[in-house]
PDB file of N, CA and C in Angstrom:
ATOM      1  N   MET A   1       0.830  -1.182   0.000  1.00  0.00           N
ATOM      2  CA  MET A   1       0.000   0.000   0.000  1.00  0.00           C
ATOM      3  C   MET A   1       0.876   1.247   0.000  1.00  0.00           C
ATOM      4  N   PRO A   2       0.405   2.300  -0.667  1.00  0.00           N
ATOM      5  CA  PRO A   2       1.184   3.540  -0.697  1.00  0.00           C
ATOM      6  C   PRO A   2       1.112   4.299   0.630  1.00  0.00           C
ATOM      7  N   ALA A   3       2.197   4.946   0.975  1.00  0.00           N
ATOM      8  CA  ALA A   3       2.266   5.755   2.200  1.00  0.00           C
ATOM      9  C   ALA A   3       1.416   7.011   2.058  1.00  0.00           C
ATOM     10  N   LEU A   4       0.846   7.456   3.177  1.00  0.00           N
ATOM     11  CA  LEU A   4       0.042   8.678   3.176  1.00  0.00           C
ATOM     12  C   LEU A   4       0.935   9.908   3.188  1.00  0.00           C
ATOM     13  N   LEU A   5       0.455  10.988   2.573  1.00  0.00           N
ATOM     14  CA  LEU A   5       1.179  12.252   2.564  1.00  0.00           C
ATOM     15  C   LEU A   5       0.816  13.056   3.804  1.00  0.00           C
ATOM     16  N   THR A   6       1.806  13.737   4.345  1.00  0.00           N
ATOM     17  CA  THR A   6       1.602  14.601   5.503  1.00  0.00           C
ATOM     18  C   THR A   6       2.186  15.981   5.203  1.00  0.00           C
ATOM     19  N   VAL A   7       2.012  16.882   6.145  1.00  0.00           N
ATOM     20  CA  VAL A   7       2.582  18.225   6.017  1.00  0.00           C
ATOM     21  C   VAL A   7       4.097  18.155   5.850  1.00  0.00           C
ATOM     22  N   SER A   8       4.721  17.113   6.378  1.00  0.00           N
ATOM     23  CA  SER A   8       6.177  16.964   6.300  1.00  0.00           C
ATOM     24  C   SER A   8       6.652  16.350   4.986  1.00  0.00           C
ATOM     25  N   SER A   9       5.739  15.912   4.126  1.00  0.00           N
ATOM     26  CA  SER A   9       6.123  15.316   2.843  1.00  0.00           C
ATOM     27  C   SER A   9       6.813  16.353   1.960  1.00  0.00           C
ATOM     28  N   THR A  10       7.722  15.886   1.120  1.00  0.00           N
ATOM     29  CA  THR A  10       8.440  16.764   0.197  1.00  0.00           C
ATOM     30  C   THR A  10       7.836  16.609  -1.192  1.00  0.00           C
ATOM     31  N   MET A  11       7.357  17.739  -1.756  1.00  0.00           N
ATOM     32  CA  MET A  11       6.742  17.737  -3.079  1.00  0.00           C
ATOM     33  C   MET A  11       7.272  18.919  -3.878  1.00  0.00           C
ATOM     34  N   MET A  12       7.335  18.739  -5.204  1.00  0.00           N
ATOM     35  CA  MET A  12       7.810  19.795  -6.093  1.00  0.00           C
ATOM     36  C   MET A  12       6.954  19.834  -7.350  1.00  0.00           C
ATOM     37  N   CYS A  13       6.927  21.000  -8.006  1.00  0.00           N
ATOM     38  CA  CYS A  13       6.321  21.087  -9.331  1.00  0.00           C
ATOM     39  C   CYS A  13       7.347  20.505 -10.317  1.00  0.00           C
ATOM     40  N   PRO A  14       6.949  20.194 -11.552  1.00  0.00           N
ATOM     41  CA  PRO A  14       7.901  19.594 -12.490  1.00  0.00           C
ATOM     42  C   PRO A  14       9.048  20.508 -12.904  1.00  0.00           C
ATOM     43  N   HIS A  15       8.983  21.794 -12.524  1.00  0.00           N
ATOM     44  CA  HIS A  15      10.025  22.752 -12.887  1.00  0.00           C
ATOM     45  C   HIS A  15      10.959  23.080 -11.727  1.00  0.00           C
ATOM     46  N   GLY A  16      10.740  22.428 -10.585  1.00  0.00           N
ATOM     47  CA  GLY A  16      11.620  22.625  -9.438  1.00  0.00           C
ATOM     48  C   GLY A  16      11.086  23.521  -8.343  1.00  0.00           C
ATOM     49  N   GLY A  17       9.856  24.002  -8.481  1.00  0.00           N
ATOM     50  CA  GLY A  17       9.251  24.820  -7.426  1.00  0.00           C
ATOM     51  C   GLY A  17       8.857  23.949  -6.238  1.00  0.00           C
ATOM     52  N   THR A  18       8.874  24.515  -5.047  1.00  0.00           N
ATOM     53  CA  THR A  18       8.545  23.789  -3.821  1.00  0.00           C
ATOM     54  C   THR A  18       7.060  23.901  -3.520  1.00  0.00           C
ATOM     55  N   ILE A  19       6.420  22.750  -3.236  1.00  0.00           N
ATOM     56  CA  ILE A  19       5.000  22.736  -2.894  1.00  0.00           C
ATOM     57  C   ILE A  19       4.869  22.714  -1.377  1.00  0.00           C
ATOM     58  N   THR A  20       4.106  23.667  -0.846  1.00  0.00           N
ATOM     59  CA  THR A  20       3.831  23.754   0.585  1.00  0.00           C
ATOM     60  C   THR A  20       2.353  23.486   0.809  1.00  0.00           C
ATOM     61  N   ALA A  21       2.056  22.591   1.737  1.00  0.00           N
ATOM     62  CA  ALA A  21       0.668  22.232   2.042  1.00  0.00           C
ATOM     63  C   ALA A  21       0.163  23.004   3.249  1.00  0.00           C
ATOM     64  N   ILE A  22      -1.085  23.431   3.171  1.00  0.00           N
ATOM     65  CA  ILE A  22      -1.766  24.079   4.289  1.00  0.00           C
ATOM     66  C   ILE A  22      -2.961  23.187   4.620  1.00  0.00           C
ATOM     67  N   PRO A  23      -2.837  22.363   5.666  1.00  0.00           N
ATOM     68  CA  PRO A  23      -3.899  21.389   5.951  1.00  0.00           C
ATOM     69  C   PRO A  23      -5.157  22.052   6.499  1.00  0.00           C
ATOM     70  N   GLY A  24      -6.298  21.472   6.166  1.00  0.00           N
ATOM     71  CA  GLY A  24      -7.571  21.957   6.660  1.00  0.00           C
ATOM     72  C   GLY A  24      -8.032  21.205   7.899  1.00  0.00           C
ATOM     73  N   GLN A  25      -7.263  20.213   8.326  1.00  0.00           N
ATOM     74  CA  GLN A  25      -7.584  19.452   9.533  1.00  0.00           C
ATOM     75  C   GLN A  25      -6.295  19.155  10.270  1.00  0.00           C
ATOM     76  N   SER A  26      -6.395  18.951  11.574  1.00  0.00           N
ATOM     77  CA  SER A  26      -5.190  18.648  12.358  1.00  0.00           C
ATOM     78  C   SER A  26      -5.413  17.492  13.327  1.00  0.00           C
ATOM     79  N   ARG A  27      -6.520  16.777  13.188  1.00  0.00           N
ATOM     80  CA  ARG A  27      -6.816  15.674  14.103  1.00  0.00           C
ATOM     81  C   ARG A  27      -6.188  14.360  13.642  1.00  0.00           C
ATOM     82  N   ALA A  28      -6.220  14.071  12.340  1.00  0.00           N
ATOM     83  CA  ALA A  28      -5.637  12.827  11.820  1.00  0.00           C
ATOM     84  C   ALA A  28      -4.149  13.067  11.584  1.00  0.00           C
ATOM     85  N   LEU A  29      -3.318  12.321  12.322  1.00  0.00           N
ATOM     86  CA  LEU A  29      -1.872  12.537  12.273  1.00  0.00           C
ATOM     87  C   LEU A  29      -1.118  11.264  11.908  1.00  0.00           C
ATOM     88  N   ALA A  30      -0.010  11.443  11.267  1.00  0.00           N
ATOM     89  CA  ALA A  30       1.012  10.419  11.072  1.00  0.00           C
ATOM     90  C   ALA A  30       2.317  11.139  11.378  1.00  0.00           C
ATOM     91  N   GLN A  31       2.503  11.507  12.626  1.00  0.00           N
ATOM     92  CA  GLN A  31       3.547  12.377  13.169  1.00  0.00           C
ATOM     93  C   GLN A  31       3.275  13.843  12.857  1.00  0.00           C
ATOM     94  N   SER A  32       2.646  14.150  11.742  1.00  0.00           N
ATOM     95  CA  SER A  32       2.187  15.497  11.409  1.00  0.00           C
ATOM     96  C   SER A  32       0.854  15.333  10.672  1.00  0.00           C
ATOM     97  N   PRO A  33       0.103  16.404  10.479  1.00  0.00           N
ATOM     98  CA  PRO A  33      -1.223  16.276   9.869  1.00  0.00           C
ATOM     99  C   PRO A  33      -1.200  15.580   8.504  1.00  0.00           C
ATOM    100  N   ILE A  34      -2.135  14.649   8.333  1.00  0.00           N
ATOM    101  CA  ILE A  34      -2.308  13.945   7.062  1.00  0.00           C
ATOM    102  C   ILE A  34      -2.995  14.888   6.082  1.00  0.00           C
ATOM    103  N   LEU A  35      -2.537  14.864   4.827  1.00  0.00           N
ATOM    104  CA  LEU A  35      -3.064  15.769   3.805  1.00  0.00           C
ATOM    105  C   LEU A  35      -4.242  15.153   3.071  1.00  0.00           C
ATOM    106  N   ARG A  36      -5.171  16.031   2.662  1.00  0.00           N
ATOM    107  CA  ARG A  36      -6.362  15.630   1.926  1.00  0.00           C
ATOM    108  C   ARG A  36      -6.403  16.375   0.592  1.00  0.00           C
ATOM    109  N   GLY A  37      -7.174  15.857  -0.342  1.00  0.00           N
ATOM    110  CA  GLY A  37      -7.286  16.489  -1.648  1.00  0.00           C
ATOM    111  C   GLY A  37      -7.867  17.888  -1.599  1.00  0.00           C
ATOM    112  N   SER A  38      -8.653  18.187  -0.559  1.00  0.00           N
ATOM    113  CA  SER A  38      -9.276  19.508  -0.447  1.00  0.00           C
ATOM    114  C   SER A  38      -8.409  20.541   0.267  1.00  0.00           C
ATOM    115  N   ASP A  39      -7.247  20.139   0.764  1.00  0.00           N
ATOM    116  CA  ASP A  39      -6.347  21.082   1.435  1.00  0.00           C
ATOM    117  C   ASP A  39      -5.774  22.069   0.412  1.00  0.00           C
ATOM    118  N   THR A  40      -5.155  23.105   0.907  1.00  0.00           N
ATOM    119  CA  THR A  40      -4.555  24.128   0.039  1.00  0.00           C
ATOM    120  C   THR A  40      -3.082  23.802  -0.192  1.00  0.00           C
ATOM    121  N   PHE A  41      -2.652  23.887  -1.448  1.00  0.00           N
ATOM    122  CA  PHE A  41      -1.269  23.607  -1.820  1.00  0.00           C
ATOM    123  C   PHE A  41      -0.739  24.784  -2.630  1.00  0.00           C
ATOM    124  N   VAL A  42       0.340  25.392  -2.134  1.00  0.00           N
ATOM    125  CA  VAL A  42       0.934  26.575  -2.760  1.00  0.00           C
ATOM    126  C   VAL A  42       2.311  26.208  -3.301  1.00  0.00           C
ATOM    127  N   VAL A  43       2.607  26.668  -4.515  1.00  0.00           N
ATOM    128  CA  VAL A  43       3.909  26.408  -5.136  1.00  0.00           C
ATOM    129  C   VAL A  43       4.730  27.692  -5.083  1.00  0.00           C
ATOM    130  N   GLY A  44       5.963  27.589  -4.609  1.00  0.00           N
ATOM    131  CA  GLY A  44       6.860  28.732  -4.547  1.00  0.00           C
ATOM    132  C   GLY A  44       8.153  28.449  -5.292  1.00  0.00           C
ATOM    133  N   GLY A  45       8.686  29.440  -5.933  1.00  0.00           N
ATOM    134  CA  GLY A  45       9.986  29.316  -6.589  1.00  0.00           C
ATOM    135  C   GLY A  45       9.976  28.607  -7.923  1.00  0.00           C
ATOM    136  N   CYS A  46       8.832  28.518  -8.578  1.00  0.00           N
ATOM    137  CA  CYS A  46       8.783  27.873  -9.900  1.00  0.00           C
ATOM    138  C   CYS A  46       9.348  28.837 -10.949  1.00  0.00           C
ATOM    139  N   PRO A  47      10.347  28.394 -11.716  1.00  0.00           N
ATOM    140  CA  PRO A  47      10.971  29.276 -12.704  1.00  0.00           C
ATOM    141  C   PRO A  47      10.369  29.176 -14.114  1.00  0.00           C
ATOM    142  N   PHE A  48       9.269  28.440 -14.278  1.00  0.00           N
ATOM    143  CA  PHE A  48       8.738  28.134 -15.609  1.00  0.00           C
ATOM    144  C   PHE A  48       8.363  29.387 -16.392  1.00  0.00           C
ATOM    145  N   ALA A  49       8.732  29.385 -17.670  1.00  0.00           N
ATOM    146  CA  ALA A  49       8.398  30.473 -18.589  1.00  0.00           C
ATOM    147  C   ALA A  49       8.003  29.874 -19.933  1.00  0.00           C
ATOM    148  N   ILE A  50       7.056  30.524 -20.586  1.00  0.00           N
ATOM    149  CA  ILE A  50       6.656  30.138 -21.940  1.00  0.00           C
ATOM    150  C   ILE A  50       7.196  31.217 -22.853  1.00  0.00           C
ATOM    151  N   GLY A  51       8.293  30.893 -23.536  1.00  0.00           N
ATOM    152  CA  GLY A  51       8.979  31.911 -24.328  1.00  0.00           C
ATOM    153  C   GLY A  51       9.498  32.994 -23.393  1.00  0.00           C
ATOM    154  N   PRO A  52       9.215  34.258 -23.683  1.00  0.00           N
ATOM    155  CA  PRO A  52       9.686  35.343 -22.817  1.00  0.00           C
ATOM    156  C   PRO A  52       8.760  35.614 -21.620  1.00  0.00           C
ATOM    157  N   ASP A  53       7.606  34.943 -21.566  1.00  0.00           N
ATOM    158  CA  ASP A  53       6.616  35.218 -20.521  1.00  0.00           C
ATOM    159  C   ASP A  53       6.785  34.277 -19.330  1.00  0.00           C
ATOM    160  N   TYR A  54       6.981  34.856 -18.160  1.00  0.00           N
ATOM    161  CA  TYR A  54       7.096  34.114 -16.913  1.00  0.00           C
ATOM    162  C   TYR A  54       5.722  33.534 -16.576  1.00  0.00           C
ATOM    163  N   SER A  55       5.626  32.230 -16.354  1.00  0.00           N
ATOM    164  CA  SER A  55       4.345  31.560 -16.094  1.00  0.00           C
ATOM    165  C   SER A  55       4.550  30.486 -15.032  1.00  0.00           C
ATOM    166  N   PRO A  56       4.790  30.880 -13.785  1.00  0.00           N
ATOM    167  CA  PRO A  56       5.107  29.897 -12.748  1.00  0.00           C
ATOM    168  C   PRO A  56       3.886  29.085 -12.304  1.00  0.00           C
ATOM    169  N   CYS A  57       4.155  27.887 -11.800  1.00  0.00           N
ATOM    170  CA  CYS A  57       3.122  27.114 -11.126  1.00  0.00           C
ATOM    171  C   CYS A  57       2.852  27.827  -9.801  1.00  0.00           C
ATOM    172  N   ILE A  58       1.566  27.957  -9.424  1.00  0.00           N
ATOM    173  CA  ILE A  58       1.272  28.644  -8.166  1.00  0.00           C
ATOM    174  C   ILE A  58       0.418  27.808  -7.208  1.00  0.00           C
ATOM    175  N   THR A  59      -0.251  26.786  -7.721  1.00  0.00           N
ATOM    176  CA  THR A  59      -1.098  25.955  -6.873  1.00  0.00           C
ATOM    177  C   THR A  59      -1.174  24.539  -7.437  1.00  0.00           C
ATOM    178  N   VAL A  60      -1.712  23.618  -6.628  1.00  0.00           N
ATOM    179  CA  VAL A  60      -1.867  22.226  -7.059  1.00  0.00           C
ATOM    180  C   VAL A  60      -3.325  21.830  -6.869  1.00  0.00           C
ATOM    181  N   GLN A  61      -3.890  21.210  -7.901  1.00  0.00           N
ATOM    182  CA  GLN A  61      -5.240  20.658  -7.828  1.00  0.00           C
ATOM    183  C   GLN A  61      -5.115  19.138  -7.928  1.00  0.00           C
ATOM    184  N   TRP A  62      -5.569  18.421  -6.916  1.00  0.00           N
ATOM    185  CA  TRP A  62      -5.452  16.964  -6.882  1.00  0.00           C
ATOM    186  C   TRP A  62      -6.611  16.341  -7.638  1.00  0.00           C
ATOM    187  N   VAL A  63      -6.288  15.504  -8.621  1.00  0.00           N
ATOM    188  CA  VAL A  63      -7.306  14.858  -9.451  1.00  0.00           C
ATOM    189  C   VAL A  63      -7.474  13.382  -9.099  1.00  0.00           C
ATOM    190  N   SER A  64      -6.572  12.853  -8.292  1.00  0.00           N
ATOM    191  CA  SER A  64      -6.652  11.460  -7.863  1.00  0.00           C
ATOM    192  C   SER A  64      -6.201  11.391  -6.410  1.00  0.00           C
ATOM    193  N   THR A  65      -7.053  10.852  -5.544  1.00  0.00           N
ATOM    194  CA  THR A  65      -6.750  10.725  -4.124  1.00  0.00           C
ATOM    195  C   THR A  65      -6.866   9.256  -3.728  1.00  0.00           C
ATOM    196  N   ALA A  66      -6.685   8.970  -2.449  1.00  0.00           N
ATOM    197  CA  ALA A  66      -6.962   7.634  -1.944  1.00  0.00           C
ATOM    198  C   ALA A  66      -8.460   7.376  -2.150  1.00  0.00           C
ATOM    199  N   THR A  67      -8.849   6.128  -2.266  1.00  0.00           N
ATOM    200  CA  THR A  67     -10.252   5.812  -2.533  1.00  0.00           C
ATOM    201  C   THR A  67     -10.975   5.204  -1.340  1.00  0.00           C
ATOM    202  N   ARG A  68     -10.238   4.860  -0.289  1.00  0.00           N
ATOM    203  CA  ARG A  68     -10.861   4.226   0.871  1.00  0.00           C
ATOM    204  C   ARG A  68     -10.630   4.954   2.188  1.00  0.00           C
ATOM    205  N   VAL A  69      -9.547   5.685   2.306  1.00  0.00           N
ATOM    206  CA  VAL A  69      -9.188   6.313   3.580  1.00  0.00           C
ATOM    207  C   VAL A  69      -9.596   7.784   3.567  1.00  0.00           C
ATOM    208  N   GLN A  70     -10.309   8.193   4.621  1.00  0.00           N
ATOM    209  CA  GLN A  70     -10.736   9.584   4.749  1.00  0.00           C
ATOM    210  C   GLN A  70     -10.256  10.171   6.072  1.00  0.00           C
ATOM    211  N   ALA A  71     -10.125  11.480   6.088  1.00  0.00           N
ATOM    212  CA  ALA A  71      -9.819  12.231   7.318  1.00  0.00           C
ATOM    213  C   ALA A  71     -10.646  13.504   7.268  1.00  0.00           C
ATOM    214  N   GLY A  72     -11.388  13.772   8.308  1.00  0.00           N
ATOM    215  CA  GLY A  72     -12.202  14.976   8.337  1.00  0.00           C
ATOM    216  C   GLY A  72     -13.242  15.019   7.236  1.00  0.00           C
ATOM    217  N   GLY A  73     -13.735  13.858   6.790  1.00  0.00           N
ATOM    218  CA  GLY A  73     -14.784  13.806   5.779  1.00  0.00           C
ATOM    219  C   GLY A  73     -14.316  13.910   4.345  1.00  0.00           C
ATOM    220  N   ASP A  74     -13.016  13.885   4.108  1.00  0.00           N
ATOM    221  CA  ASP A  74     -12.496  13.978   2.740  1.00  0.00           C
ATOM    222  C   ASP A  74     -11.415  12.921   2.542  1.00  0.00           C
ATOM    223  N   PHE A  75     -11.245  12.474   1.310  1.00  0.00           N
ATOM    224  CA  PHE A  75     -10.242  11.459   1.013  1.00  0.00           C
ATOM    225  C   PHE A  75      -8.831  12.029   1.161  1.00  0.00           C
ATOM    226  N   VAL A  76      -7.952  11.218   1.727  1.00  0.00           N
ATOM    227  CA  VAL A  76      -6.569  11.629   1.969  1.00  0.00           C
ATOM    228  C   VAL A  76      -5.736  11.453   0.710  1.00  0.00           C
ATOM    229  N   LEU A  77      -4.508  11.961   0.754  1.00  0.00           N
ATOM    230  CA  LEU A  77      -3.556  11.804  -0.342  1.00  0.00           C
ATOM    231  C   LEU A  77      -2.540  10.740   0.033  1.00  0.00           C
ATOM    232  N   ASN A  78      -2.115   9.968  -0.965  1.00  0.00           N
ATOM    233  CA  ASN A  78      -1.058   8.987  -0.758  1.00  0.00           C
ATOM    234  C   ASN A  78      -0.048   9.108  -1.891  1.00  0.00           C
ATOM    235  N   GLU A  79       0.972   8.263  -1.857  1.00  0.00           N
ATOM    236  CA  GLU A  79       2.041   8.347  -2.872  1.00  0.00           C
ATOM    237  C   GLU A  79       1.539   8.104  -4.290  1.00  0.00           C
ATOM    238  N   SER A  80       0.377   7.487  -4.433  1.00  0.00           N
ATOM    239  CA  SER A  80      -0.193   7.229  -5.757  1.00  0.00           C
ATOM    240  C   SER A  80      -1.101   8.358  -6.242  1.00  0.00           C
ATOM    241  N   SER A  81      -1.356   9.345  -5.413  1.00  0.00           N
ATOM    242  CA  SER A  81      -2.231  10.461  -5.790  1.00  0.00           C
ATOM    243  C   SER A  81      -1.603  11.278  -6.914  1.00  0.00           C
ATOM    244  N   VAL A  82      -2.464  11.901  -7.719  1.00  0.00           N
ATOM    245  CA  VAL A  82      -2.006  12.702  -8.847  1.00  0.00           C
ATOM    246  C   VAL A  82      -2.520  14.128  -8.672  1.00  0.00           C
ATOM    247  N   GLY A  83      -1.592  15.084  -8.708  1.00  0.00           N
ATOM    248  CA  GLY A  83      -1.940  16.493  -8.600  1.00  0.00           C
ATOM    249  C   GLY A  83      -1.424  17.262  -9.796  1.00  0.00           C
ATOM    250  N   LEU A  84      -2.239  18.165 -10.317  1.00  0.00           N
ATOM    251  CA  LEU A  84      -1.820  19.013 -11.435  1.00  0.00           C
ATOM    252  C   LEU A  84      -1.354  20.354 -10.908  1.00  0.00           C
ATOM    253  N   CYS A  85      -0.178  20.775 -11.338  1.00  0.00           N
ATOM    254  CA  CYS A  85       0.351  22.093 -10.985  1.00  0.00           C
ATOM    255  C   CYS A  85      -0.265  23.108 -11.948  1.00  0.00           C
ATOM    256  N   LEU A  86      -0.826  24.171 -11.388  1.00  0.00           N
ATOM    257  CA  LEU A  86      -1.547  25.153 -12.191  1.00  0.00           C
ATOM    258  C   LEU A  86      -0.881  26.525 -12.147  1.00  0.00           C
ATOM    259  N   ALA A  87      -0.968  27.229 -13.277  1.00  0.00           N
ATOM    260  CA  ALA A  87      -0.495  28.614 -13.366  1.00  0.00           C
ATOM    261  C   ALA A  87      -1.591  29.533 -12.822  1.00  0.00           C
ATOM    262  N   ALA A  88      -1.334  30.814 -12.782  1.00  0.00           N
ATOM    263  CA  ALA A  88      -2.321  31.794 -12.325  1.00  0.00           C
ATOM    264  C   ALA A  88      -3.575  31.770 -13.192  1.00  0.00           C
ATOM    265  N   THR A  89      -3.437  31.389 -14.449  1.00  0.00           N
ATOM    266  CA  THR A  89      -4.575  31.302 -15.374  1.00  0.00           C
ATOM    267  C   THR A  89      -5.334  29.997 -15.217  1.00  0.00           C
ATOM    268  N   GLN A  90      -4.931  29.167 -14.264  1.00  0.00           N
ATOM    269  CA  GLN A  90      -5.492  27.836 -14.020  1.00  0.00           C
ATOM    270  C   GLN A  90      -5.129  26.821 -15.106  1.00  0.00           C
ATOM    271  N   ALA A  91      -4.171  27.169 -15.962  1.00  0.00           N
ATOM    272  CA  ALA A  91      -3.709  26.244 -16.987  1.00  0.00           C
ATOM    273  C   ALA A  91      -2.809  25.192 -16.344  1.00  0.00           C
ATOM    274  N   PRO A  92      -3.054  23.900 -16.609  1.00  0.00           N
ATOM    275  CA  PRO A  92      -2.181  22.859 -16.069  1.00  0.00           C
ATOM    276  C   PRO A  92      -0.801  22.923 -16.709  1.00  0.00           C
ATOM    277  N   GLN A  93       0.249  22.776 -15.868  1.00  0.00           N
ATOM    278  CA  GLN A  93       1.621  22.883 -16.370  1.00  0.00           C
ATOM    279  C   GLN A  93       2.457  21.651 -16.054  1.00  0.00           C
ATOM    280  N   GLY A  94       1.829  20.599 -15.581  1.00  0.00           N
ATOM    281  CA  GLY A  94       2.538  19.363 -15.286  1.00  0.00           C
ATOM    282  C   GLY A  94       2.028  18.733 -14.003  1.00  0.00           C
ATOM    283  N   VAL A  95       2.547  17.560 -13.709  1.00  0.00           N
ATOM    284  CA  VAL A  95       2.119  16.775 -12.555  1.00  0.00           C
ATOM    285  C   VAL A  95       3.047  17.038 -11.367  1.00  0.00           C
ATOM    286  N   ALA A  96       2.451  17.165 -10.190  1.00  0.00           N
ATOM    287  CA  ALA A  96       3.232  17.353  -8.960  1.00  0.00           C
ATOM    288  C   ALA A  96       4.089  16.123  -8.690  1.00  0.00           C
ATOM    289  N   LEU A  97       5.308  16.354  -8.241  1.00  0.00           N
ATOM    290  CA  LEU A  97       6.237  15.272  -7.923  1.00  0.00           C
ATOM    291  C   LEU A  97       6.255  15.048  -6.416  1.00  0.00           C
ATOM    292  N   ILE A  98       5.992  13.823  -5.996  1.00  0.00           N
ATOM    293  CA  ILE A  98       6.051  13.461  -4.582  1.00  0.00           C
ATOM    294  C   ILE A  98       7.408  12.816  -4.358  1.00  0.00           C
ATOM    295  N   LEU A  99       8.281  13.501  -3.630  1.00  0.00           N
ATOM    296  CA  LEU A  99       9.654  13.052  -3.475  1.00  0.00           C
ATOM    297  C   LEU A  99       9.895  12.257  -2.199  1.00  0.00           C
ATOM    298  N   GLN A 100       9.206  12.631  -1.129  1.00  0.00           N
ATOM    299  CA  GLN A 100       9.445  11.960   0.154  1.00  0.00           C
ATOM    300  C   GLN A 100       8.206  12.087   1.023  1.00  0.00           C
ATOM    301  N   THR A 101       7.899  11.023   1.765  1.00  0.00           N
ATOM    302  CA  THR A 101       6.799  11.055   2.718  1.00  0.00           C
ATOM    303  C   THR A 101       7.153  10.167   3.909  1.00  0.00           C
ATOM    304  N   GLN A 102       6.275  10.124   4.870  1.00  0.00           N
ATOM    305  CA  GLN A 102       6.511   9.283   6.044  1.00  0.00           C
ATOM    306  C   GLN A 102       6.259   7.822   5.652  1.00  0.00           C
ATOM    307  N   PRO A 103       7.035   6.871   6.177  1.00  0.00           N
ATOM    308  CA  PRO A 103       6.920   5.477   5.749  1.00  0.00           C
ATOM    309  C   PRO A 103       6.011   4.592   6.599  1.00  0.00           C
ATOM    310  N   ARG A 104       5.461   5.111   7.691  1.00  0.00           N
ATOM    311  CA  ARG A 104       4.777   4.233   8.655  1.00  0.00           C
ATOM    312  C   ARG A 104       3.297   4.012   8.388  1.00  0.00           C
ATOM    313  N   VAL A 105       2.576   5.016   7.927  1.00  0.00           N
ATOM    314  CA  VAL A 105       1.135   4.890   7.773  1.00  0.00           C
ATOM    315  C   VAL A 105       0.804   4.821   6.283  1.00  0.00           C
ATOM    316  N   GLU A 106       0.051   3.778   5.912  1.00  0.00           N
ATOM    317  CA  GLU A 106      -0.301   3.545   4.512  1.00  0.00           C
ATOM    318  C   GLU A 106      -1.808   3.492   4.369  1.00  0.00           C
ATOM    319  N   GLY A 107      -2.289   3.663   3.147  1.00  0.00           N
ATOM    320  CA  GLY A 107      -3.720   3.562   2.898  1.00  0.00           C
ATOM    321  C   GLY A 107      -4.073   3.693   1.452  1.00  0.00           C
ATOM    322  N   LEU A 108      -5.171   3.066   1.088  1.00  0.00           N
ATOM    323  CA  LEU A 108      -5.673   3.145  -0.287  1.00  0.00           C
ATOM    324  C   LEU A 108      -6.776   4.167  -0.405  1.00  0.00           C
TER     325      LEU A 108
END
């Protein structure tokens, strides 16, 4: 089973920007709050440009979450979850990269 994502998980946009999670719940923990698809995800430091126009990733929209495990009434995120990195225009610019998470708590 894939490990669950928490606030301590390391995620990046495909261009090297850092994804920071702002959890909407703090009761379900795996050493730190478990992340859900409805939480807020902010991307910082994305250098992406289309030609001469700077077009950084600024947020992540999760399109695939866990299908069985919930926290606070919403499905949680795991290593198999898929998030799209979006520009200010809401245009998708690639898939979020999950680089590291906690290894102890798993779920589908």
